[in-house]
PDB file of N, CA and C in Angstrom:
ATOM      1  N   MET A   1     -26.407 -37.818 119.194  1.00  0.00           N
ATOM      2  CA  MET A   1     -27.542 -38.687 119.213  1.00  0.00           C
ATOM      3  C   MET A   1     -28.042 -38.412 120.553  1.00  0.00           C
ATOM      4  N   LEU A   2     -29.439 -38.305 120.342  1.00  0.00           N
ATOM      5  CA  LEU A   2     -30.550 -38.135 121.315  1.00  0.00           C
ATOM      6  C   LEU A   2     -31.151 -39.249 121.849  1.00  0.00           C
ATOM      7  N   ILE A   3     -30.812 -39.257 123.301  1.00  0.00           N
ATOM      8  CA  ILE A   3     -31.728 -40.575 123.794  1.00  0.00           C
ATOM      9  C   ILE A   3     -32.758 -40.453 124.683  1.00  0.00           C
ATOM     10  N   LEU A   4     -33.896 -40.995 124.576  1.00  0.00           N
ATOM     11  CA  LEU A   4     -34.995 -40.883 125.256  1.00  0.00           C
ATOM     12  C   LEU A   4     -35.430 -42.310 125.801  1.00  0.00           C
ATOM     13  N   SER A   5     -35.986 -42.179 127.207  1.00  0.00           N
ATOM     14  CA  SER A   5     -36.786 -43.376 127.681  1.00  0.00           C
ATOM     15  C   SER A   5     -37.963 -43.295 127.328  1.00  0.00           C
ATOM     16  N   ARG A   6     -38.842 -44.093 126.957  1.00  0.00           N
ATOM     17  CA  ARG A   6     -40.060 -44.098 126.563  1.00  0.00           C
ATOM     18  C   ARG A   6     -40.986 -45.954 127.118  1.00  0.00           C
ATOM     19  N   LYS A   7     -41.770 -45.474 127.738  1.00  0.00           N
ATOM     20  CA  LYS A   7     -42.652 -46.646 128.371  1.00  0.00           C
ATOM     21  C   LYS A   7     -43.515 -47.355 127.131  1.00  0.00           C
ATOM     22  N   SER A   8     -44.060 -48.574 127.298  1.00  0.00           N
ATOM     23  CA  SER A   8     -45.012 -48.637 126.332  1.00  0.00           C
ATOM     24  C   SER A   8     -46.326 -47.725 125.973  1.00  0.00           C
ATOM     25  N   ARG A   9     -46.703 -47.573 124.663  1.00  0.00           N
ATOM     26  CA  ARG A   9     -47.540 -46.642 124.678  1.00  0.00           C
ATOM     27  C   ARG A   9     -47.365 -45.071 124.518  1.00  0.00           C
ATOM     28  N   GLU A  10     -45.829 -45.036 125.015  1.00  0.00           N
ATOM     29  CA  GLU A  10     -45.457 -43.511 125.174  1.00  0.00           C
ATOM     30  C   GLU A  10     -45.010 -43.216 123.648  1.00  0.00           C
ATOM     31  N   ALA A  11     -44.989 -42.150 123.393  1.00  0.00           N
ATOM     32  CA  ALA A  11     -44.413 -41.615 122.169  1.00  0.00           C
ATOM     33  C   ALA A  11     -43.478 -40.548 122.056  1.00  0.00           C
ATOM     34  N   VAL A  12     -42.744 -40.087 120.995  1.00  0.00           N
ATOM     35  CA  VAL A  12     -41.959 -39.076 120.393  1.00  0.00           C
ATOM     36  C   VAL A  12     -42.287 -38.417 119.341  1.00  0.00           C
ATOM     37  N   VAL A  13     -42.182 -37.159 119.372  1.00  0.00           N
ATOM     38  CA  VAL A  13     -42.745 -36.452 118.222  1.00  0.00           C
ATOM     39  C   VAL A  13     -41.750 -35.406 117.768  1.00  0.00           C
ATOM     40  N   VAL A  14     -41.381 -35.857 116.265  1.00  0.00           N
ATOM     41  CA  VAL A  14     -40.386 -34.658 115.362  1.00  0.00           C
ATOM     42  C   VAL A  14     -40.925 -33.737 114.703  1.00  0.00           C
ATOM     43  N   GLY A  15     -40.676 -32.426 115.088  1.00  0.00           N
ATOM     44  CA  GLY A  15     -41.279 -31.547 114.359  1.00  0.00           C
ATOM     45  C   GLY A  15     -40.118 -30.251 114.363  1.00  0.00           C
ATOM     46  N   ARG A  16     -40.894 -29.460 113.443  1.00  0.00           N
ATOM     47  CA  ARG A  16     -39.926 -27.909 113.488  1.00  0.00           C
ATOM     48  C   ARG A  16     -40.515 -26.810 114.463  1.00  0.00           C
ATOM     49  N   PRO A  17     -39.794 -26.343 115.081  1.00  0.00           N
ATOM     50  CA  PRO A  17     -40.208 -25.208 116.212  1.00  0.00           C
ATOM     51  C   PRO A  17     -41.049 -24.144 115.294  1.00  0.00           C
ATOM     52  N   GLY A  18     -42.312 -23.921 115.884  1.00  0.00           N
ATOM     53  CA  GLY A  18     -43.127 -22.822 115.102  1.00  0.00           C
ATOM     54  C   GLY A  18     -43.936 -23.567 114.252  1.00  0.00           C
ATOM     55  N   GLN A  19     -43.973 -24.587 113.947  1.00  0.00           N
ATOM     56  CA  GLN A  19     -44.901 -25.219 113.139  1.00  0.00           C
ATOM     57  C   GLN A  19     -45.826 -26.189 113.663  1.00  0.00           C
ATOM     58  N   LEU A  20     -47.035 -26.516 113.430  1.00  0.00           N
ATOM     59  CA  LEU A  20     -47.968 -27.306 114.367  1.00  0.00           C
ATOM     60  C   LEU A  20     -47.871 -28.521 113.699  1.00  0.00           C
ATOM     61  N   GLU A  21     -47.413 -28.948 112.255  1.00  0.00           N
ATOM     62  CA  GLU A  21     -47.491 -30.282 111.763  1.00  0.00           C
ATOM     63  C   GLU A  21     -46.564 -30.810 112.103  1.00  0.00           C
ATOM     64  N   GLN A  22     -46.377 -32.347 112.516  1.00  0.00           N
ATOM     65  CA  GLN A  22     -45.625 -32.992 113.075  1.00  0.00           C
ATOM     66  C   GLN A  22     -45.076 -33.711 111.740  1.00  0.00           C
ATOM     67  N   MET A  23     -43.677 -34.086 111.978  1.00  0.00           N
ATOM     68  CA  MET A  23     -42.622 -34.645 110.648  1.00  0.00           C
ATOM     69  C   MET A  23     -42.926 -36.259 110.787  1.00  0.00           C
ATOM     70  N   LEU A  24     -42.860 -36.696 112.231  1.00  0.00           N
ATOM     71  CA  LEU A  24     -42.572 -37.685 112.468  1.00  0.00           C
ATOM     72  C   LEU A  24     -43.102 -38.346 113.776  1.00  0.00           C
ATOM     73  N   LYS A  25     -43.936 -39.152 114.097  1.00  0.00           N
ATOM     74  CA  LYS A  25     -44.129 -39.529 115.305  1.00  0.00           C
ATOM     75  C   LYS A  25     -43.969 -41.354 115.464  1.00  0.00           C
ATOM     76  N   VAL A  26     -43.096 -41.476 116.591  1.00  0.00           N
ATOM     77  CA  VAL A  26     -42.918 -42.999 116.916  1.00  0.00           C
ATOM     78  C   VAL A  26     -43.420 -43.246 118.403  1.00  0.00           C
ATOM     79  N   THR A  27     -44.158 -44.538 118.257  1.00  0.00           N
ATOM     80  CA  THR A  27     -44.777 -45.120 119.360  1.00  0.00           C
ATOM     81  C   THR A  27     -44.112 -46.126 119.714  1.00  0.00           C
ATOM     82  N   VAL A  28     -43.861 -46.361 121.026  1.00  0.00           N
ATOM     83  CA  VAL A  28     -43.531 -47.899 121.657  1.00  0.00           C
ATOM     84  C   VAL A  28     -44.800 -48.403 121.731  1.00  0.00           C
ATOM     85  N   LEU A  29     -44.972 -49.601 120.949  1.00  0.00           N
ATOM     86  CA  LEU A  29     -46.230 -50.171 120.818  1.00  0.00           C
ATOM     87  C   LEU A  29     -46.194 -51.643 121.874  1.00  0.00           C
ATOM     88  N   GLU A  30     -45.120 -52.247 122.205  1.00  0.00           N
ATOM     89  CA  GLU A  30     -45.051 -53.629 122.991  1.00  0.00           C
ATOM     90  C   GLU A  30     -43.461 -53.605 123.243  1.00  0.00           C
ATOM     91  N   ILE A  31     -42.933 -53.997 124.358  1.00  0.00           N
ATOM     92  CA  ILE A  31     -41.882 -54.283 124.926  1.00  0.00           C
ATOM     93  C   ILE A  31     -42.013 -55.919 125.331  1.00  0.00           C
ATOM     94  N   VAL A  32     -41.267 -56.579 124.838  1.00  0.00           N
ATOM     95  CA  VAL A  32     -41.425 -58.172 125.205  1.00  0.00           C
ATOM     96  C   VAL A  32     -40.059 -58.574 125.170  1.00  0.00           C
ATOM     97  N   GLY A  33     -39.434 -58.757 126.547  1.00  0.00           N
ATOM     98  CA  GLY A  33     -38.043 -59.046 126.703  1.00  0.00           C
ATOM     99  C   GLY A  33     -36.972 -58.176 126.010  1.00  0.00           C
ATOM    100  N   SER A  34     -36.277 -58.465 124.947  1.00  0.00           N
ATOM    101  CA  SER A  34     -35.086 -57.607 124.425  1.00  0.00           C
ATOM    102  C   SER A  34     -35.780 -56.901 123.512  1.00  0.00           C
ATOM    103  N   ARG A  35     -36.882 -57.356 122.966  1.00  0.00           N
ATOM    104  CA  ARG A  35     -37.459 -56.857 121.683  1.00  0.00           C
ATOM    105  C   ARG A  35     -38.579 -55.439 122.025  1.00  0.00           C
ATOM    106  N   VAL A  36     -38.124 -54.550 121.004  1.00  0.00           N
ATOM    107  CA  VAL A  36     -39.357 -53.603 121.143  1.00  0.00           C
ATOM    108  C   VAL A  36     -40.040 -53.392 119.724  1.00  0.00           C
ATOM    109  N   ARG A  37     -41.465 -53.256 119.827  1.00  0.00           N
ATOM    110  CA  ARG A  37     -42.023 -53.061 118.510  1.00  0.00           C
ATOM    111  C   ARG A  37     -42.242 -51.426 118.513  1.00  0.00           C
ATOM    112  N   LEU A  38     -42.081 -50.880 117.579  1.00  0.00           N
ATOM    113  CA  LEU A  38     -42.369 -49.175 117.472  1.00  0.00           C
ATOM    114  C   LEU A  38     -43.446 -49.202 116.360  1.00  0.00           C
ATOM    115  N   GLY A  39     -44.091 -48.139 116.315  1.00  0.00           N
ATOM    116  CA  GLY A  39     -44.937 -47.503 115.441  1.00  0.00           C
ATOM    117  C   GLY A  39     -44.756 -46.162 114.879  1.00  0.00           C
ATOM    118  N   PHE A  40     -44.826 -46.093 113.746  1.00  0.00           N
ATOM    119  CA  PHE A  40     -44.247 -44.747 113.187  1.00  0.00           C
ATOM    120  C   PHE A  40     -45.368 -44.414 112.228  1.00  0.00           C
ATOM    121  N   GLU A  41     -45.482 -42.886 112.503  1.00  0.00           N
ATOM    122  CA  GLU A  41     -46.627 -42.229 111.925  1.00  0.00           C
ATOM    123  C   GLU A  41     -45.814 -41.262 111.140  1.00  0.00           C
ATOM    124  N   VAL A  42     -46.003 -40.910 109.881  1.00  0.00           N
ATOM    125  CA  VAL A  42     -45.270 -40.137 108.998  1.00  0.00           C
ATOM    126  C   VAL A  42     -46.405 -39.779 107.835  1.00  0.00           C
ATOM    127  N   PRO A  43     -46.166 -38.582 106.976  1.00  0.00           N
ATOM    128  CA  PRO A  43     -46.786 -38.478 105.768  1.00  0.00           C
ATOM    129  C   PRO A  43     -46.876 -39.656 104.871  1.00  0.00           C
ATOM    130  N   GLU A  44     -47.782 -40.033 104.059  1.00  0.00           N
ATOM    131  CA  GLU A  44     -47.670 -40.770 103.033  1.00  0.00           C
ATOM    132  C   GLU A  44     -46.438 -40.855 102.006  1.00  0.00           C
ATOM    133  N   ASP A  45     -45.910 -39.850 101.737  1.00  0.00           N
ATOM    134  CA  ASP A  45     -44.810 -39.447 100.788  1.00  0.00           C
ATOM    135  C   ASP A  45     -43.357 -39.679 101.570  1.00  0.00           C
ATOM    136  N   VAL A  46     -43.418 -39.874 102.697  1.00  0.00           N
ATOM    137  CA  VAL A  46     -41.943 -40.007 103.399  1.00  0.00           C
ATOM    138  C   VAL A  46     -41.651 -41.502 103.484  1.00  0.00           C
ATOM    139  N   PRO A  47     -40.578 -41.864 103.020  1.00  0.00           N
ATOM    140  CA  PRO A  47     -40.232 -43.326 102.942  1.00  0.00           C
ATOM    141  C   PRO A  47     -39.626 -43.587 104.296  1.00  0.00           C
ATOM    142  N   VAL A  48     -40.207 -44.612 104.988  1.00  0.00           N
ATOM    143  CA  VAL A  48     -39.331 -45.553 105.908  1.00  0.00           C
ATOM    144  C   VAL A  48     -38.885 -46.858 105.926  1.00  0.00           C
ATOM    145  N   HIS A  49     -37.579 -46.596 106.228  1.00  0.00           N
ATOM    146  CA  HIS A  49     -36.884 -47.806 106.181  1.00  0.00           C
ATOM    147  C   HIS A  49     -35.993 -48.500 107.342  1.00  0.00           C
ATOM    148  N   ARG A  50     -35.861 -49.424 107.436  1.00  0.00           N
ATOM    149  CA  ARG A  50     -34.681 -49.998 108.599  1.00  0.00           C
ATOM    150  C   ARG A  50     -33.506 -49.468 108.272  1.00  0.00           C
ATOM    151  N   SER A  51     -32.465 -49.373 108.916  1.00  0.00           N
ATOM    152  CA  SER A  51     -31.315 -48.527 108.807  1.00  0.00           C
ATOM    153  C   SER A  51     -30.569 -49.558 107.592  1.00  0.00           C
ATOM    154  N   GLU A  52     -30.353 -50.929 107.716  1.00  0.00           N
ATOM    155  CA  GLU A  52     -29.597 -51.628 106.686  1.00  0.00           C
ATOM    156  C   GLU A  52     -30.343 -51.567 105.370  1.00  0.00           C
ATOM    157  N   VAL A  53     -31.469 -51.500 105.323  1.00  0.00           N
ATOM    158  CA  VAL A  53     -32.077 -51.242 103.842  1.00  0.00           C
ATOM    159  C   VAL A  53     -31.839 -49.641 103.358  1.00  0.00           C
ATOM    160  N   TRP A  54     -32.032 -48.923 104.530  1.00  0.00           N
ATOM    161  CA  TRP A  54     -31.492 -47.406 103.731  1.00  0.00           C
ATOM    162  C   TRP A  54     -30.034 -47.166 103.493  1.00  0.00           C
ATOM    163  N   GLU A  55     -29.260 -47.913 104.290  1.00  0.00           N
ATOM    164  CA  GLU A  55     -27.712 -47.995 103.757  1.00  0.00           C
ATOM    165  C   GLU A  55     -27.687 -48.664 102.282  1.00  0.00           C
ATOM    166  N   ARG A  56     -28.354 -49.515 102.164  1.00  0.00           N
ATOM    167  CA  ARG A  56     -28.344 -50.324 100.703  1.00  0.00           C
ATOM    168  C   ARG A  56     -28.758 -49.492  99.690  1.00  0.00           C
ATOM    169  N   ILE A  57     -29.920 -48.694  99.920  1.00  0.00           N
ATOM    170  CA  ILE A  57     -30.589 -47.681  98.437  1.00  0.00           C
ATOM    171  C   ILE A  57     -29.765 -46.689  98.594  1.00  0.00           C
ATOM    172  N   CYS A  58     -28.833 -46.472  99.543  1.00  0.00           N
ATOM    173  CA  CYS A  58     -27.873 -45.136  99.233  1.00  0.00           C
ATOM    174  C   CYS A  58     -26.614 -45.757  98.544  1.00  0.00           C
ATOM    175  N   ALA A  59     -26.251 -46.877  98.806  1.00  0.00           N
ATOM    176  CA  ALA A  59     -25.184 -47.501  98.021  1.00  0.00           C
ATOM    177  C   ALA A  59     -25.607 -47.749  96.804  1.00  0.00           C
ATOM    178  N   GLY A  60     -26.773 -47.568  96.136  1.00  0.00           N
ATOM    179  CA  GLY A  60     -27.225 -47.843  94.936  1.00  0.00           C
ATOM    180  C   GLY A  60     -27.936 -49.313  94.709  1.00  0.00           C
ATOM    181  N   GLY A  61     -27.893 -49.976  95.792  1.00  0.00           N
ATOM    182  CA  GLY A  61     -28.612 -51.578  95.500  1.00  0.00           C
ATOM    183  C   GLY A  61     -30.078 -51.471  95.453  1.00  0.00           C
ATOM    184  N   GLY A  62     -30.541 -50.511  95.719  1.00  0.00           N
ATOM    185  CA  GLY A  62     -32.307 -50.536  95.999  1.00  0.00           C
ATOM    186  C   GLY A  62     -32.985 -51.357  97.111  1.00  0.00           C
ATOM    187  N   PRO A  63     -33.892 -51.114  97.330  1.00  0.00           N
ATOM    188  CA  PRO A  63     -34.763 -51.790  98.512  1.00  0.00           C
ATOM    189  C   PRO A  63     -35.177 -53.059  98.118  1.00  0.00           C
ATOM    190  N   ASP A  64     -34.929 -54.227  98.856  1.00  0.00           N
ATOM    191  CA  ASP A  64     -35.203 -55.466  98.549  1.00  0.00           C
ATOM    192  C   ASP A  64     -36.801 -55.595  99.186  1.00  0.00           C
ATOM    193  N   ASN A  65     -37.907 -55.972  98.251  1.00  0.00           N
ATOM    194  CA  ASN A  65     -39.081 -55.984  98.789  1.00  0.00           C
ATOM    195  C   ASN A  65     -39.426 -56.819  99.885  1.00  0.00           C
ATOM    196  N   ALA A  66     -38.678 -57.657 100.103  1.00  0.00           N
ATOM    197  CA  ALA A  66     -39.051 -58.563 101.148  1.00  0.00           C
ATOM    198  C   ALA A  66     -38.447 -58.019 102.598  1.00  0.00           C
ATOM    199  N   THR A  67     -37.551 -56.776 102.559  1.00  0.00           N
ATOM    200  CA  THR A  67     -37.120 -56.216 103.802  1.00  0.00           C
ATOM    201  C   THR A  67     -37.484 -54.965 103.876  1.00  0.00           C
ATOM    202  N   ALA A  68     -37.936 -54.064 102.740  1.00  0.00           N
ATOM    203  CA  ALA A  68     -38.280 -52.746 102.985  1.00  0.00           C
ATOM    204  C   ALA A  68     -39.812 -52.887 103.777  1.00  0.00           C
ATOM    205  N   ALA A  69     -39.746 -51.465 104.523  1.00  0.00           N
ATOM    206  CA  ALA A  69     -40.715 -51.394 105.664  1.00  0.00           C
ATOM    207  C   ALA A  69     -41.934 -50.144 104.742  1.00  0.00           C
ATOM    208  N   PRO A  70     -43.112 -50.284 104.611  1.00  0.00           N
ATOM    209  CA  PRO A  70     -44.037 -49.338 103.819  1.00  0.00           C
ATOM    210  C   PRO A  70     -43.995 -48.216 104.605  1.00  0.00           C
ATOM    211  N   ALA A  71     -44.389 -47.093 103.720  1.00  0.00           N
ATOM    212  CA  ALA A  71     -44.309 -45.590 104.602  1.00  0.00           C
ATOM    213  C   ALA A  71     -45.568 -45.448 105.279  1.00  0.00           C
ATOM    214  N   GLY A  72     -46.952 -46.197 104.814  1.00  0.00           N
ATOM    215  CA  GLY A  72     -48.067 -45.975 105.277  1.00  0.00           C
ATOM    216  C   GLY A  72     -48.436 -46.687 106.505  1.00  0.00           C
ATOM    217  N   PRO A  73     -49.583 -46.681 107.138  1.00  0.00           N
ATOM    218  CA  PRO A  73     -50.013 -47.207 108.315  1.00  0.00           C
ATOM    219  C   PRO A  73     -50.142 -48.812 107.935  1.00  0.00           C
ATOM    220  N   VAL A  74     -49.691 -49.436 109.003  1.00  0.00           N
ATOM    221  CA  VAL A  74     -49.607 -50.900 108.809  1.00  0.00           C
ATOM    222  C   VAL A  74     -50.779 -51.649 109.635  1.00  0.00           C
ATOM    223  N   ALA A  75     -51.740 -52.494 109.354  1.00  0.00           N
ATOM    224  CA  ALA A  75     -52.795 -53.166 110.005  1.00  0.00           C
ATOM    225  C   ALA A  75     -52.398 -54.154 111.060  1.00  0.00           C
TER     226      ALA A  75
END
């Protein structure tokens, strides 16, 4: 596991070497007490889920609409 420290409004970008296209950008939006709000920028066809939702999908349970996070930008 890679562990990075970031401050509010700082980001981490995931991509492949030699390619200019980023696969994922995660930005720390807000830090309040022990809670951190993260923003995810990914192509629209890339699903993004919390880990417990992902595990349920992999187990064949499917995402629960009340807990799944949309892949696109959130207003």
